[in-house]
Amino acid sequence: MTLKTLGAKAATALDQELMSTCAFSLDQLMELAGLSVSQAVYRVHPPSMGRKVLIACGPGNNGGDGLVAARHLFYYGYHPSIFYPKRSKNELYQRLAKQLEDLQVPFVEDFESAAETTDHIVDAIFGFSFSGEVREPFPAVIEALQKSQKPVTSVDAPSSWDIEQGPPKSGLGSSFMPTTLVSLTAPKPLVRHFTGRHFVGGRFVSPMIAERYNLQVPEYDGVDQIVEVDVTGKKL
């Protein structure tokens, strides 16, 4: 089967329906999304390959997913560090950051230096709602991701990519290709431009919602929150 992709409008509508019709809270969805990301990192980069993980977090929901993933990675035995230059004033994000501070997870200010000494990078800067130009202080981060030789796992969308069209045709972000992509709920149209390992995560779509949005929910194994799929959406 070929997994259906969700554009930005459809993905937003589905999220809203999960929080209304299905009675999920944003906290719950973010916790499940971050758990999915942490499992993907563990799958592609187990602790034996290096325990240092740098998580770059944006100010929105994508960044929140990254904060949750960092907490889970800490408990898996990794040594996460957080780049979070534009902290949200929303109570939810403040609590997520406080949980990491209580674990003495370091928050770094220099992404480029931190990227040089880490073993793995999680790109949780921009999600499916991103459009337009990359604004400060993130252009330097995207440039560093392009140049880095370290493996990168992107959350839902490689940051700077257009949700429909994929990577920019030229300039900033045009040569950024993460090694792993975790599509939350369902793949986005940009996935057809992606060439790395691809996981679908977020085990919270009910049969009713799947039918309403014509989604082919992949079969998850056991307690897994992720499924690795090929370019056609076939489970690996």
Protein backbone atom coordinates (compact mmCIF):
# COMPACT_ATOMS: atom_id res chain seq x y z
CA MET A 1 0.00 0.00 0.00
CA THR A 2 1.01 3.62 -0.41
CA LEU A 3 0.47 5.64 2.74
CA LYS A 4 -1.63 8.72 2.16
CA THR A 5 0.12 12.00 2.85
CA LEU A 6 -1.43 14.90 4.73
CA GLY A 7 -0.85 18.51 3.66
CA ALA A 8 -0.61 21.34 6.17
CA LYS A 9 -4.34 22.14 6.20
CA ALA A 10 -5.40 18.52 6.57
CA ALA A 11 -2.80 17.86 9.27
CA THR A 12 -4.00 20.91 11.22
CA ALA A 13 -7.62 19.81 10.89
CA LEU A 14 -6.76 16.29 12.06
CA ASP A 15 -4.90 17.63 15.10
CA GLN A 16 -7.87 19.80 16.00
CA GLU A 17 -10.21 16.84 15.64
CA LEU A 18 -7.99 14.70 17.85
CA MET A 19 -8.33 17.37 20.54
CA SER A 20 -12.08 17.83 20.10
CA THR A 21 -13.88 14.76 18.77
CA CYS A 22 -11.33 12.35 20.28
CA ALA A 23 -10.85 14.34 23.54
CA PHE A 24 -7.04 14.25 23.53
CA SER A 25 -5.23 17.10 25.25
CA LEU A 26 -2.23 18.81 23.66
CA ASP A 27 -0.13 17.40 26.50
CA GLN A 28 -1.13 13.86 25.60
CA LEU A 29 -0.45 14.24 21.89
CA MET A 30 2.91 15.89 22.53
CA GLU A 31 3.89 13.16 24.98
CA LEU A 32 3.04 10.43 22.46
CA ALA A 33 4.78 12.30 19.63
CA GLY A 34 7.95 12.83 21.68
CA LEU A 35 7.91 9.20 22.77
CA SER A 36 7.73 8.18 19.11
CA VAL A 37 10.73 10.37 18.27
CA SER A 38 12.76 8.94 21.14
CA GLN A 39 12.03 5.39 19.98
CA ALA A 40 13.13 6.26 16.45
CA VAL A 41 16.42 7.67 17.76
CA TYR A 42 16.95 4.53 19.83
CA ARG A 43 16.27 2.40 16.74
CA VAL A 44 18.68 4.18 14.39
CA HIS A 45 21.29 5.28 16.94
CA PRO A 46 21.37 3.01 20.00
CA PRO A 47 23.46 4.14 22.99
CA SER A 48 26.29 1.85 21.90
CA MET A 49 26.83 4.21 18.93
CA GLY A 50 27.28 7.24 21.20
CA ARG A 51 25.18 8.67 23.99
CA LYS A 52 25.43 12.39 23.27
CA VAL A 53 22.27 13.70 21.58
CA LEU A 54 21.72 17.37 20.74
CA ILE A 55 18.07 18.37 20.35
CA ALA A 56 17.35 21.65 18.51
CA CYS A 57 13.92 22.90 19.55
CA GLY A 58 11.80 25.59 17.94
CA PRO A 59 9.22 27.69 19.80
CA GLY A 60 6.14 25.71 18.73
CA ASN A 61 4.70 22.20 18.98
CA ASN A 62 7.62 20.67 17.08
CA GLY A 63 9.97 22.03 19.71
CA GLY A 64 7.71 20.65 22.43
CA ASP A 65 7.96 17.20 20.83
CA GLY A 66 11.73 17.59 20.99
CA LEU A 67 11.65 18.47 24.69
CA VAL A 68 9.57 15.39 25.44
CA ALA A 69 11.91 13.21 23.34
CA ALA A 70 14.89 14.55 25.29
CA ARG A 71 13.35 13.47 28.61
CA HIS A 72 12.72 9.95 27.33
CA LEU A 73 16.23 9.74 25.86
CA PHE A 74 17.67 10.70 29.26
CA TYR A 75 15.90 7.75 30.84
CA TYR A 76 17.11 5.46 28.05
CA GLY A 77 20.68 6.25 29.14
CA TYR A 78 21.60 8.98 26.65
CA HIS A 79 23.19 12.34 27.54
CA PRO A 80 20.89 14.85 25.84
CA SER A 81 21.53 18.58 25.53
CA ILE A 82 19.02 21.17 24.37
CA PHE A 83 19.29 24.15 22.04
CA TYR A 84 16.14 26.17 22.73
CA PRO A 85 16.80 29.82 21.88
CA LYS A 86 13.18 31.02 21.68
CA ARG A 87 11.46 29.65 24.75
CA SER A 88 7.69 29.72 24.71
CA LYS A 89 5.83 31.48 27.52
CA ASN A 90 3.13 28.81 27.35
CA GLU A 91 2.86 26.90 30.63
CA LEU A 92 3.08 23.51 28.90
CA TYR A 93 6.45 24.25 27.32
CA GLN A 94 7.74 25.82 30.53
CA ARG A 95 6.86 22.62 32.41
CA LEU A 96 8.61 20.47 29.80
CA ALA A 97 11.75 22.60 30.10
CA LYS A 98 11.57 22.49 33.91
CA GLN A 99 11.43 18.68 33.84
CA LEU A 100 14.69 18.65 31.87
CA GLU A 101 16.32 21.23 34.14
CA ASP A 102 15.44 19.06 37.14
CA LEU A 103 17.28 16.19 35.41
CA GLN A 104 20.26 18.55 34.96
CA VAL A 105 20.01 18.25 31.19
CA PRO A 106 22.11 21.16 29.86
CA PHE A 107 20.64 23.91 27.70
CA VAL A 108 23.30 25.17 25.28
CA GLU A 109 23.53 28.56 23.58
CA ASP A 110 26.00 27.77 20.79
CA PHE A 111 24.44 25.21 18.47
CA GLU A 112 27.38 24.98 16.09
CA SER A 113 29.88 24.16 18.84
CA ALA A 114 27.52 21.67 20.46
CA ALA A 115 26.91 19.99 17.09
CA GLU A 116 30.62 19.36 16.66
CA THR A 117 30.87 17.31 19.87
CA THR A 118 27.58 15.41 19.81
CA ASP A 119 26.93 11.93 18.42
CA HIS A 120 23.43 12.52 17.07
CA ILE A 121 21.21 15.54 16.36
CA VAL A 122 17.43 15.80 16.63
CA ASP A 123 15.92 18.52 14.44
CA ALA A 124 12.72 19.64 16.19
CA ILE A 125 12.72 23.24 14.98
CA PHE A 126 9.89 23.59 12.44
CA GLY A 127 6.94 21.28 11.85
CA PHE A 128 4.24 20.89 9.23
CA SER A 129 2.94 24.44 9.71
CA PHE A 130 6.23 26.05 8.60
CA SER A 131 6.15 28.37 5.60
CA GLY A 132 8.09 31.37 4.36
CA GLU A 133 11.64 32.27 5.29
CA VAL A 134 13.71 30.89 8.15
CA ARG A 135 14.00 33.65 10.74
CA GLU A 136 16.65 34.40 13.33
CA PRO A 137 18.20 32.77 15.20
CA PHE A 138 17.65 29.67 13.07
CA PRO A 139 19.39 30.39 9.72
CA ALA A 140 22.77 29.58 11.27
CA VAL A 141 21.31 26.39 12.73
CA ILE A 142 20.00 25.22 9.34
CA GLU A 143 23.36 26.02 7.78
CA ALA A 144 25.11 23.99 10.49
CA LEU A 145 22.74 21.08 9.88
CA GLN A 146 23.55 21.20 6.16
CA LYS A 147 27.28 21.06 6.86
CA SER A 148 27.23 18.58 9.71
CA GLN A 149 28.50 15.06 9.17
CA LYS A 150 26.58 13.85 12.23
CA PRO A 151 23.39 11.79 11.78
CA VAL A 152 20.23 13.90 12.07
CA THR A 153 16.70 12.80 12.92
CA SER A 154 14.04 15.33 11.85
CA VAL A 155 10.66 15.53 13.55
CA ASP A 156 7.76 15.50 11.04
CA ALA A 157 9.60 17.73 8.54
CA PRO A 158 13.24 18.57 7.86
CA SER A 159 13.46 22.16 9.06
CA SER A 160 13.42 24.74 6.23
CA TRP A 161 11.60 22.33 3.88
CA ASP A 162 8.24 23.30 2.42
CA ILE A 163 5.57 20.88 3.59
CA GLU A 164 4.30 20.36 0.05
CA GLN A 165 7.33 20.96 -2.18
CA GLY A 166 10.19 19.64 -0.06
CA PRO A 167 13.62 21.28 0.14
CA PRO A 168 14.17 24.81 -1.16
CA LYS A 169 15.36 24.92 -4.76
CA SER A 170 18.42 26.94 -3.78
CA GLY A 171 20.03 28.67 -0.83
CA LEU A 172 19.45 27.91 2.84
CA GLY A 173 18.21 24.37 3.42
CA SER A 174 18.50 23.26 -0.20
CA SER A 175 21.17 20.66 0.59
CA PHE A 176 19.84 19.60 4.00
CA MET A 177 18.94 15.90 3.99
CA PRO A 178 18.54 14.33 7.44
CA THR A 179 19.40 10.67 7.86
CA THR A 180 16.07 9.88 9.52
CA LEU A 181 12.56 11.33 9.35
CA VAL A 182 9.78 10.64 11.85
CA SER A 183 6.40 11.46 10.31
CA LEU A 184 3.88 12.04 13.07
CA THR A 185 0.33 10.74 12.52
CA ALA A 186 0.90 10.43 8.76
CA PRO A 187 3.60 11.35 6.21
CA LYS A 188 3.50 14.84 4.72
CA PRO A 189 3.84 15.44 0.94
CA LEU A 190 7.52 16.43 1.32
CA VAL A 191 8.34 12.79 2.07
CA ARG A 192 8.60 12.04 -1.65
CA HIS A 193 11.81 14.11 -1.69
CA PHE A 194 13.32 12.32 1.32
CA THR A 195 15.92 9.59 0.84
CA GLY A 196 16.80 8.41 4.37
CA ARG A 197 15.18 6.06 6.88
CA HIS A 198 11.52 6.90 7.36
CA PHE A 199 9.32 6.12 10.36
CA VAL A 200 5.66 6.81 10.99
CA GLY A 201 4.95 7.57 14.65
CA GLY A 202 2.14 8.63 16.92
CA ARG A 203 -0.04 5.70 17.86
CA PHE A 204 -3.21 7.66 18.57
CA VAL A 205 -5.32 7.61 15.39
CA SER A 206 -8.60 5.79 16.00
CA PRO A 207 -10.27 3.69 13.28
CA MET A 208 -13.01 6.33 13.07
CA ILE A 209 -10.52 9.14 12.38
CA ALA A 210 -8.52 6.96 9.98
CA GLU A 211 -11.66 6.30 7.96
CA ARG A 212 -12.69 9.96 7.99
CA TYR A 213 -9.31 11.08 6.62
CA ASN A 214 -8.81 8.01 4.44
CA LEU A 215 -5.59 7.12 6.26
CA GLN A 216 -3.90 3.75 6.00
CA VAL A 217 -2.60 3.39 9.56
CA PRO A 218 0.46 1.12 9.55
CA GLU A 219 0.52 -1.98 11.73
CA TYR A 220 2.53 -1.35 14.88
CA ASP A 221 4.38 -4.21 16.57
CA GLY A 222 3.87 -4.89 20.26
CA VAL A 223 4.44 -1.77 22.33
CA ASP A 224 6.26 0.11 19.55
CA GLN A 225 5.20 3.70 18.89
CA ILE A 226 6.90 3.75 15.47
CA VAL A 227 6.85 1.77 12.23
CA GLU A 228 9.64 1.94 9.66
CA VAL A 229 8.31 2.18 6.12
CA ASP A 230 9.84 2.41 2.65
CA VAL A 231 9.15 5.10 0.07
CA THR A 232 5.89 3.41 -0.92
CA GLY A 233 4.70 3.22 2.67
CA LYS A 234 5.34 -0.53 2.93
CA LYS A 235 6.35 -1.68 6.40
CA LEU A 236 9.98 -2.82 6.62
